[in-house]
Amino acid sequence: MEKIVGIKTIRPKLGEYLKRAEEGEVLVISSRSEPKGVILGYSAYKELKALAQKAKQLEIAQILNNFRNKAEEAGLSEDDVQKEIEEVRR
């Protein structure tokens, strides 16, 4: 569940709001009616971080597969590509 809380409201009760975040509540911190940040529990943060990492890995895998398909269409093997990479690195 998500709740919007003004910064003036949260300042004096930060400990209370952190406990609520640990219990699964997501708090959107606003200032002058504009969202400025989010407080969420550490376990939710770790989960989001792991999901972001997995998304990056999937994106890289997709790019690599596209590259392999284009190389194959051009008649290049993975060995040919690896040799070219090694030559450029030298």
PDB file of N, CA and C in Angstrom:
ATOM      1  N   MET A   1       0.844  -1.183   0.000  1.00  0.00           N
ATOM      2  CA  MET A   1       0.000   0.000   0.000  1.00  0.00           C
ATOM      3  C   MET A   1       0.888   1.244   0.000  1.00  0.00           C
ATOM      4  N   GLU A   2       0.450   2.271  -0.664  1.00  0.00           N
ATOM      5  CA  GLU A   2       1.215   3.503  -0.798  1.00  0.00           C
ATOM      6  C   GLU A   2       0.478   4.654  -0.138  1.00  0.00           C
ATOM      7  N   LYS A   3       1.223   5.469   0.568  1.00  0.00           N
ATOM      8  CA  LYS A   3       0.622   6.612   1.243  1.00  0.00           C
ATOM      9  C   LYS A   3       1.495   7.835   0.983  1.00  0.00           C
ATOM     10  N   ILE A   4       0.868   8.967   0.691  1.00  0.00           N
ATOM     11  CA  ILE A   4       1.591  10.220   0.488  1.00  0.00           C
ATOM     12  C   ILE A   4       1.616  10.973   1.814  1.00  0.00           C
ATOM     13  N   VAL A   5       2.831  11.376   2.215  1.00  0.00           N
ATOM     14  CA  VAL A   5       3.019  12.060   3.490  1.00  0.00           C
ATOM     15  C   VAL A   5       3.864  13.306   3.244  1.00  0.00           C
ATOM     16  N   GLY A   6       3.422  14.421   3.790  1.00  0.00           N
ATOM     17  CA  GLY A   6       4.190  15.656   3.666  1.00  0.00           C
ATOM     18  C   GLY A   6       5.446  15.612   4.515  1.00  0.00           C
ATOM     19  N   ILE A   7       6.481  16.276   4.061  1.00  0.00           N
ATOM     20  CA  ILE A   7       7.756  16.262   4.773  1.00  0.00           C
ATOM     21  C   ILE A   7       7.619  16.849   6.178  1.00  0.00           C
ATOM     22  N   LYS A   8       6.758  17.846   6.338  1.00  0.00           N
ATOM     23  CA  LYS A   8       6.565  18.435   7.672  1.00  0.00           C
ATOM     24  C   LYS A   8       5.910  17.442   8.626  1.00  0.00           C
ATOM     25  N   THR A   9       5.099  16.555   8.091  1.00  0.00           N
ATOM     26  CA  THR A   9       4.431  15.540   8.911  1.00  0.00           C
ATOM     27  C   THR A   9       5.406  14.433   9.300  1.00  0.00           C
ATOM     28  N   ILE A  10       6.262  14.071   8.383  1.00  0.00           N
ATOM     29  CA  ILE A  10       7.133  12.920   8.613  1.00  0.00           C
ATOM     30  C   ILE A  10       8.335  13.241   9.494  1.00  0.00           C
ATOM     31  N   ARG A  11       8.834  14.457   9.425  1.00  0.00           N
ATOM     32  CA  ARG A  11      10.044  14.817  10.194  1.00  0.00           C
ATOM     33  C   ARG A  11       9.977  14.454  11.668  1.00  0.00           C
ATOM     34  N   PRO A  12       8.957  14.896  12.394  1.00  0.00           N
ATOM     35  CA  PRO A  12       8.957  14.598  13.831  1.00  0.00           C
ATOM     36  C   PRO A  12       8.650  13.137  14.174  1.00  0.00           C
ATOM     37  N   LYS A  13       8.163  12.368  13.207  1.00  0.00           N
ATOM     38  CA  LYS A  13       7.758  10.984  13.474  1.00  0.00           C
ATOM     39  C   LYS A  13       8.487   9.998  12.559  1.00  0.00           C
ATOM     40  N   LEU A  14       9.722  10.308  12.198  1.00  0.00           N
ATOM     41  CA  LEU A  14      10.446   9.478  11.241  1.00  0.00           C
ATOM     42  C   LEU A  14      10.558   8.034  11.709  1.00  0.00           C
ATOM     43  N   GLY A  15      10.874   7.813  12.966  1.00  0.00           N
ATOM     44  CA  GLY A  15      10.996   6.456  13.494  1.00  0.00           C
ATOM     45  C   GLY A  15       9.718   5.653  13.303  1.00  0.00           C
ATOM     46  N   GLU A  16       8.589   6.289  13.563  1.00  0.00           N
ATOM     47  CA  GLU A  16       7.291   5.626  13.389  1.00  0.00           C
ATOM     48  C   GLU A  16       7.063   5.254  11.924  1.00  0.00           C
ATOM     49  N   TYR A  17       7.380   6.184  11.031  1.00  0.00           N
ATOM     50  CA  TYR A  17       7.179   5.917   9.605  1.00  0.00           C
ATOM     51  C   TYR A  17       8.149   4.861   9.076  1.00  0.00           C
ATOM     52  N   LEU A  18       9.368   4.810   9.611  1.00  0.00           N
ATOM     53  CA  LEU A  18      10.303   3.760   9.217  1.00  0.00           C
ATOM     54  C   LEU A  18       9.779   2.386   9.630  1.00  0.00           C
ATOM     55  N   LYS A  19       9.183   2.316  10.812  1.00  0.00           N
ATOM     56  CA  LYS A  19       8.599   1.052  11.261  1.00  0.00           C
ATOM     57  C   LYS A  19       7.474   0.622  10.322  1.00  0.00           C
ATOM     58  N   ARG A  20       6.655   1.575   9.913  1.00  0.00           N
ATOM     59  CA  ARG A  20       5.564   1.267   8.978  1.00  0.00           C
ATOM     60  C   ARG A  20       6.116   0.781   7.644  1.00  0.00           C
ATOM     61  N   ALA A  21       7.231   1.381   7.216  1.00  0.00           N
ATOM     62  CA  ALA A  21       7.866   0.951   5.964  1.00  0.00           C
ATOM     63  C   ALA A  21       8.387  -0.478   6.100  1.00  0.00           C
ATOM     64  N   GLU A  22       8.982  -0.803   7.228  1.00  0.00           N
ATOM     65  CA  GLU A  22       9.460  -2.166   7.469  1.00  0.00           C
ATOM     66  C   GLU A  22       8.317  -3.166   7.404  1.00  0.00           C
ATOM     67  N   GLU A  23       7.119  -2.724   7.769  1.00  0.00           N
ATOM     68  CA  GLU A  23       5.939  -3.592   7.753  1.00  0.00           C
ATOM     69  C   GLU A  23       5.308  -3.687   6.368  1.00  0.00           C
ATOM     70  N   GLY A  24       5.878  -3.005   5.391  1.00  0.00           N
ATOM     71  CA  GLY A  24       5.412  -3.141   4.014  1.00  0.00           C
ATOM     72  C   GLY A  24       4.742  -1.921   3.422  1.00  0.00           C
ATOM     73  N   GLU A  25       4.521  -0.887   4.215  1.00  0.00           N
ATOM     74  CA  GLU A  25       3.899   0.319   3.677  1.00  0.00           C
ATOM     75  C   GLU A  25       4.936   1.113   2.885  1.00  0.00           C
ATOM     76  N   VAL A  26       4.512   1.670   1.781  1.00  0.00           N
ATOM     77  CA  VAL A  26       5.369   2.522   0.965  1.00  0.00           C
ATOM     78  C   VAL A  26       4.905   3.957   1.183  1.00  0.00           C
ATOM     79  N   LEU A  27       5.847   4.820   1.543  1.00  0.00           N
ATOM     80  CA  LEU A  27       5.518   6.214   1.840  1.00  0.00           C
ATOM     81  C   LEU A  27       6.148   7.126   0.797  1.00  0.00           C
ATOM     82  N   VAL A  28       5.310   7.876   0.132  1.00  0.00           N
ATOM     83  CA  VAL A  28       5.777   8.875  -0.830  1.00  0.00           C
ATOM     84  C   VAL A  28       5.888  10.185  -0.072  1.00  0.00           C
ATOM     85  N   ILE A  29       7.084  10.762  -0.058  1.00  0.00           N
ATOM     86  CA  ILE A  29       7.331  11.994   0.679  1.00  0.00           C
ATOM     87  C   ILE A  29       7.140  13.173  -0.274  1.00  0.00           C
ATOM     88  N   SER A  30       6.291  14.092   0.139  1.00  0.00           N
ATOM     89  CA  SER A  30       6.026  15.250  -0.704  1.00  0.00           C
ATOM     90  C   SER A  30       6.493  16.525  -0.011  1.00  0.00           C
ATOM     91  N   SER A  31       6.802  17.503  -0.825  1.00  0.00           N
ATOM     92  CA  SER A  31       7.148  18.830  -0.342  1.00  0.00           C
ATOM     93  C   SER A  31       6.452  19.817  -1.257  1.00  0.00           C
ATOM     94  N   ARG A  32       5.650  20.675  -0.659  1.00  0.00           N
ATOM     95  CA  ARG A  32       4.854  21.634  -1.435  1.00  0.00           C
ATOM     96  C   ARG A  32       3.978  20.922  -2.477  1.00  0.00           C
ATOM     97  N   SER A  33       3.388  19.825  -2.039  1.00  0.00           N
ATOM     98  CA  SER A  33       2.461  19.018  -2.842  1.00  0.00           C
ATOM     99  C   SER A  33       3.119  18.324  -4.034  1.00  0.00           C
ATOM    100  N   GLU A  34       4.444  18.274  -4.057  1.00  0.00           N
ATOM    101  CA  GLU A  34       5.164  17.586  -5.131  1.00  0.00           C
ATOM    102  C   GLU A  34       5.886  16.372  -4.551  1.00  0.00           C
ATOM    103  N   PRO A  35       5.718  15.195  -5.163  1.00  0.00           N
ATOM    104  CA  PRO A  35       6.455  14.018  -4.685  1.00  0.00           C
ATOM    105  C   PRO A  35       7.957  14.251  -4.824  1.00  0.00           C
ATOM    106  N   LYS A  36       8.707  13.960  -3.759  1.00  0.00           N
ATOM    107  CA  LYS A  36      10.153  14.204  -3.767  1.00  0.00           C
ATOM    108  C   LYS A  36      10.963  12.943  -3.490  1.00  0.00           C
ATOM    109  N   GLY A  37      10.381  11.960  -2.826  1.00  0.00           N
ATOM    110  CA  GLY A  37      11.116  10.750  -2.486  1.00  0.00           C
ATOM    111  C   GLY A  37      10.191   9.666  -2.003  1.00  0.00           C
ATOM    112  N   VAL A  38      10.791   8.526  -1.683  1.00  0.00           N
ATOM    113  CA  VAL A  38      10.013   7.368  -1.248  1.00  0.00           C
ATOM    114  C   VAL A  38      10.743   6.709  -0.082  1.00  0.00           C
ATOM    115  N   ILE A  39       9.980   6.290   0.904  1.00  0.00           N
ATOM    116  CA  ILE A  39      10.516   5.467   1.982  1.00  0.00           C
ATOM    117  C   ILE A  39       9.855   4.103   1.860  1.00  0.00           C
ATOM    118  N   LEU A  40      10.688   3.077   1.793  1.00  0.00           N
ATOM    119  CA  LEU A  40      10.179   1.722   1.770  1.00  0.00           C
ATOM    120  C   LEU A  40      11.094   0.866   2.628  1.00  0.00           C
ATOM    121  N   GLY A  41      10.617  -0.268   3.026  1.00  0.00           N
ATOM    122  CA  GLY A  41      11.400  -1.159   3.865  1.00  0.00           C
ATOM    123  C   GLY A  41      12.634  -1.665   3.148  1.00  0.00           C
ATOM    124  N   TYR A  42      13.651  -2.028   3.925  1.00  0.00           N
ATOM    125  CA  TYR A  42      14.903  -2.480   3.339  1.00  0.00           C
ATOM    126  C   TYR A  42      14.718  -3.747   2.518  1.00  0.00           C
ATOM    127  N   SER A  43      13.859  -4.650   2.945  1.00  0.00           N
ATOM    128  CA  SER A  43      13.635  -5.883   2.181  1.00  0.00           C
ATOM    129  C   SER A  43      13.016  -5.567   0.821  1.00  0.00           C
ATOM    130  N   ALA A  44      12.110  -4.596   0.768  1.00  0.00           N
ATOM    131  CA  ALA A  44      11.521  -4.188  -0.516  1.00  0.00           C
ATOM    132  C   ALA A  44      12.582  -3.538  -1.401  1.00  0.00           C
ATOM    133  N   TYR A  45      13.473  -2.754  -0.795  1.00  0.00           N
ATOM    134  CA  TYR A  45      14.568  -2.133  -1.539  1.00  0.00           C
ATOM    135  C   TYR A  45      15.476  -3.202  -2.151  1.00  0.00           C
ATOM    136  N   LYS A  46      15.836  -4.211  -1.335  1.00  0.00           N
ATOM    137  CA  LYS A  46      16.696  -5.282  -1.844  1.00  0.00           C
ATOM    138  C   LYS A  46      16.019  -6.027  -2.991  1.00  0.00           C
ATOM    139  N   GLU A  47      14.717  -6.240  -2.868  1.00  0.00           N
ATOM    140  CA  GLU A  47      13.971  -6.931  -3.920  1.00  0.00           C
ATOM    141  C   GLU A  47      13.973  -6.111  -5.216  1.00  0.00           C
ATOM    142  N   LEU A  48      13.741  -4.813  -5.088  1.00  0.00           N
ATOM    143  CA  LEU A  48      13.773  -3.943  -6.270  1.00  0.00           C
ATOM    144  C   LEU A  48      15.160  -3.922  -6.914  1.00  0.00           C
ATOM    145  N   LYS A  49      16.182  -3.893  -6.088  1.00  0.00           N
ATOM    146  CA  LYS A  49      17.555  -3.892  -6.591  1.00  0.00           C
ATOM    147  C   LYS A  49      17.854  -5.185  -7.348  1.00  0.00           C
ATOM    148  N   ALA A  50      17.419  -6.321  -6.803  1.00  0.00           N
ATOM    149  CA  ALA A  50      17.623  -7.612  -7.466  1.00  0.00           C
ATOM    150  C   ALA A  50      16.855  -7.679  -8.782  1.00  0.00           C
ATOM    151  N   LEU A  51      15.645  -7.143  -8.804  1.00  0.00           N
ATOM    152  CA  LEU A  51      14.860  -7.120 -10.045  1.00  0.00           C
ATOM    153  C   LEU A  51      15.520  -6.246 -11.114  1.00  0.00           C
ATOM    154  N   ALA A  52      16.074  -5.119 -10.694  1.00  0.00           N
ATOM    155  CA  ALA A  52      16.767  -4.243 -11.636  1.00  0.00           C
ATOM    156  C   ALA A  52      17.989  -4.952 -12.220  1.00  0.00           C
ATOM    157  N   GLN A  53      18.721  -5.676 -11.390  1.00  0.00           N
ATOM    158  CA  GLN A  53      19.886  -6.417 -11.858  1.00  0.00           C
ATOM    159  C   GLN A  53      19.474  -7.498 -12.850  1.00  0.00           C
ATOM    160  N   LYS A  54      18.397  -8.211 -12.537  1.00  0.00           N
ATOM    161  CA  LYS A  54      17.893  -9.259 -13.435  1.00  0.00           C
ATOM    162  C   LYS A  54      17.455  -8.660 -14.767  1.00  0.00           C
ATOM    163  N   ALA A  55      16.809  -7.501 -14.727  1.00  0.00           N
ATOM    164  CA  ALA A  55      16.381  -6.836 -15.960  1.00  0.00           C
ATOM    165  C   ALA A  55      17.593  -6.465 -16.817  1.00  0.00           C
ATOM    166  N   LYS A  56      18.661  -5.992 -16.190  1.00  0.00           N
ATOM    167  CA  LYS A  56      19.888  -5.665 -16.932  1.00  0.00           C
ATOM    168  C   LYS A  56      20.480  -6.908 -17.573  1.00  0.00           C
ATOM    169  N   GLN A  57      20.501  -8.011 -16.818  1.00  0.00           N
ATOM    170  CA  GLN A  57      21.035  -9.256 -17.354  1.00  0.00           C
ATOM    171  C   GLN A  57      20.220  -9.734 -18.557  1.00  0.00           C
ATOM    172  N   LEU A  58      18.899  -9.634 -18.459  1.00  0.00           N
ATOM    173  CA  LEU A  58      18.035 -10.044 -19.568  1.00  0.00           C
ATOM    174  C   LEU A  58      18.242  -9.152 -20.783  1.00  0.00           C
ATOM    175  N   GLU A  59      18.429  -7.859 -20.548  1.00  0.00           N
ATOM    176  CA  GLU A  59      18.681  -6.931 -21.649  1.00  0.00           C
ATOM    177  C   GLU A  59      19.992  -7.258 -22.349  1.00  0.00           C
ATOM    178  N   ILE A  60      21.021  -7.547 -21.567  1.00  0.00           N
ATOM    179  CA  ILE A  60      22.319  -7.899 -22.148  1.00  0.00           C
ATOM    180  C   ILE A  60      22.215  -9.206 -22.933  1.00  0.00           C
ATOM    181  N   ALA A  61      21.494 -10.180 -22.391  1.00  0.00           N
ATOM    182  CA  ALA A  61      21.313 -11.453 -23.083  1.00  0.00           C
ATOM    183  C   ALA A  61      20.585 -11.251 -24.408  1.00  0.00           C
ATOM    184  N   GLN A  62      19.593 -10.371 -24.422  1.00  0.00           N
ATOM    185  CA  GLN A  62      18.864 -10.099 -25.651  1.00  0.00           C
ATOM    186  C   GLN A  62      19.762  -9.417 -26.684  1.00  0.00           C
ATOM    187  N   ILE A  63      20.563  -8.459 -26.245  1.00  0.00           N
ATOM    188  CA  ILE A  63      21.494  -7.786 -27.162  1.00  0.00           C
ATOM    189  C   ILE A  63      22.487  -8.788 -27.739  1.00  0.00           C
ATOM    190  N   LEU A  64      23.008  -9.664 -26.890  1.00  0.00           N
ATOM    191  CA  LEU A  64      23.962 -10.674 -27.337  1.00  0.00           C
ATOM    192  C   LEU A  64      23.315 -11.635 -28.332  1.00  0.00           C
ATOM    193  N   ASN A  65      22.088 -12.060 -28.066  1.00  0.00           N
ATOM    194  CA  ASN A  65      21.388 -12.950 -29.007  1.00  0.00           C
ATOM    195  C   ASN A  65      21.152 -12.268 -30.350  1.00  0.00           C
ATOM    196  N   ASN A  66      20.780 -10.981 -30.312  1.00  0.00           N
ATOM    197  CA  ASN A  66      20.597 -10.238 -31.567  1.00  0.00           C
ATOM    198  C   ASN A  66      21.912 -10.152 -32.337  1.00  0.00           C
ATOM    199  N   PHE A  67      22.991  -9.904 -31.616  1.00  0.00           N
ATOM    200  CA  PHE A  67      24.299  -9.835 -32.248  1.00  0.00           C
ATOM    201  C   PHE A  67      24.671 -11.177 -32.868  1.00  0.00           C
ATOM    202  N   ARG A  68      24.430 -12.269 -32.123  1.00  0.00           N
ATOM    203  CA  ARG A  68      24.732 -13.607 -32.649  1.00  0.00           C
ATOM    204  C   ARG A  68      23.931 -13.899 -33.915  1.00  0.00           C
ATOM    205  N   ASN A  69      22.651 -13.529 -33.910  1.00  0.00           N
ATOM    206  CA  ASN A  69      21.807 -13.755 -35.091  1.00  0.00           C
ATOM    207  C   ASN A  69      22.317 -12.975 -36.295  1.00  0.00           C
ATOM    208  N   LYS A  70      22.700 -11.720 -36.087  1.00  0.00           N
ATOM    209  CA  LYS A  70      23.220 -10.913 -37.201  1.00  0.00           C
ATOM    210  C   LYS A  70      24.539 -11.469 -37.716  1.00  0.00           C
ATOM    211  N   ALA A  71      25.385 -11.916 -36.804  1.00  0.00           N
ATOM    212  CA  ALA A  71      26.663 -12.503 -37.221  1.00  0.00           C
ATOM    213  C   ALA A  71      26.428 -13.784 -38.009  1.00  0.00           C
ATOM    214  N   GLU A  72      25.490 -14.595 -37.549  1.00  0.00           N
ATOM    215  CA  GLU A  72      25.171 -15.842 -38.255  1.00  0.00           C
ATOM    216  C   GLU A  72      24.619 -15.556 -39.646  1.00  0.00           C
ATOM    217  N   GLU A  73      23.745 -14.554 -39.759  1.00  0.00           N
ATOM    218  CA  GLU A  73      23.196 -14.165 -41.060  1.00  0.00           C
ATOM    219  C   GLU A  73      24.295 -13.687 -42.011  1.00  0.00           C
ATOM    220  N   ALA A  74      25.338 -13.096 -41.441  1.00  0.00           N
ATOM    221  CA  ALA A  74      26.457 -12.609 -42.247  1.00  0.00           C
ATOM    222  C   ALA A  74      27.476 -13.705 -42.525  1.00  0.00           C
ATOM    223  N   GLY A  75      27.221 -14.904 -42.009  1.00  0.00           N
ATOM    224  CA  GLY A  75      28.120 -16.023 -42.260  1.00  0.00           C
ATOM    225  C   GLY A  75      29.307 -16.088 -41.316  1.00  0.00           C
ATOM    226  N   LEU A  76      29.217 -15.438 -40.195  1.00  0.00           N
ATOM    227  CA  LEU A  76      30.306 -15.449 -39.214  1.00  0.00           C
ATOM    228  C   LEU A  76      29.990 -16.409 -38.073  1.00  0.00           C
ATOM    229  N   SER A  77      30.996 -17.139 -37.648  1.00  0.00           N
ATOM    230  CA  SER A  77      30.823 -18.013 -36.491  1.00  0.00           C
ATOM    231  C   SER A  77      31.237 -17.245 -35.244  1.00  0.00           C
ATOM    232  N   GLU A  78      30.938 -17.814 -34.082  1.00  0.00           N
ATOM    233  CA  GLU A  78      31.364 -17.174 -32.833  1.00  0.00           C
ATOM    234  C   GLU A  78      32.883 -17.131 -32.745  1.00  0.00           C
ATOM    235  N   ASP A  79      33.543 -18.146 -33.297  1.00  0.00           N
ATOM    236  CA  ASP A  79      35.013 -18.143 -33.311  1.00  0.00           C
ATOM    237  C   ASP A  79      35.548 -16.989 -34.145  1.00  0.00           C
ATOM    238  N   ASP A  80      34.926 -16.732 -35.297  1.00  0.00           N
ATOM    239  CA  ASP A  80      35.343 -15.609 -36.137  1.00  0.00           C
ATOM    240  C   ASP A  80      35.210 -14.284 -35.387  1.00  0.00           C
ATOM    241  N   VAL A  81      34.107 -14.119 -34.705  1.00  0.00           N
ATOM    242  CA  VAL A  81      33.858 -12.891 -33.951  1.00  0.00           C
ATOM    243  C   VAL A  81      34.861 -12.759 -32.810  1.00  0.00           C
ATOM    244  N   GLN A  82      35.118 -13.865 -32.102  1.00  0.00           N
ATOM    245  CA  GLN A  82      36.072 -13.836 -30.990  1.00  0.00           C
ATOM    246  C   GLN A  82      37.462 -13.467 -31.489  1.00  0.00           C
ATOM    247  N   LYS A  83      37.863 -13.995 -32.629  1.00  0.00           N
ATOM    248  CA  LYS A  83      39.184 -13.665 -33.192  1.00  0.00           C
ATOM    249  C   LYS A  83      39.265 -12.172 -33.524  1.00  0.00           C
ATOM    250  N   GLU A  84      38.198 -11.627 -34.091  1.00  0.00           N
ATOM    251  CA  GLU A  84      38.175 -10.209 -34.419  1.00  0.00           C
ATOM    252  C   GLU A  84      38.283  -9.360 -33.151  1.00  0.00           C
ATOM    253  N   ILE A  85      37.573  -9.747 -32.114  1.00  0.00           N
ATOM    254  CA  ILE A  85      37.621  -9.017 -30.841  1.00  0.00           C
ATOM    255  C   ILE A  85      39.041  -9.035 -30.284  1.00  0.00           C
ATOM    256  N   GLU A  86      39.683 -10.207 -30.304  1.00  0.00           N
ATOM    257  CA  GLU A  86      41.040 -10.327 -29.784  1.00  0.00           C
ATOM    258  C   GLU A  86      42.027  -9.462 -30.580  1.00  0.00           C
ATOM    259  N   GLU A  87      41.847  -9.408 -31.899  1.00  0.00           N
ATOM    260  CA  GLU A  87      42.726  -8.571 -32.735  1.00  0.00           C
ATOM    261  C   GLU A  87      42.564  -7.089 -32.407  1.00  0.00           C
ATOM    262  N   VAL A  88      41.334  -6.662 -32.203  1.00  0.00           N
ATOM    263  CA  VAL A  88      41.083  -5.249 -31.892  1.00  0.00           C
ATOM    264  C   VAL A  88      41.668  -4.910 -30.523  1.00  0.00           C
ATOM    265  N   ARG A  89      41.584  -5.812 -29.582  1.00  0.00           N
ATOM    266  CA  ARG A  89      42.107  -5.555 -28.239  1.00  0.00           C
ATOM    267  C   ARG A  89      43.621  -5.430 -28.215  1.00  0.00           C
ATOM    268  N   ARG A  90      44.304  -6.052 -29.157  1.00  0.00           N
ATOM    269  CA  ARG A  90      45.766  -5.959 -29.223  1.00  0.00           C
ATOM    270  C   ARG A  90      46.142  -4.633 -29.760  1.00  0.00           C
TER     271      ARG A  90
END
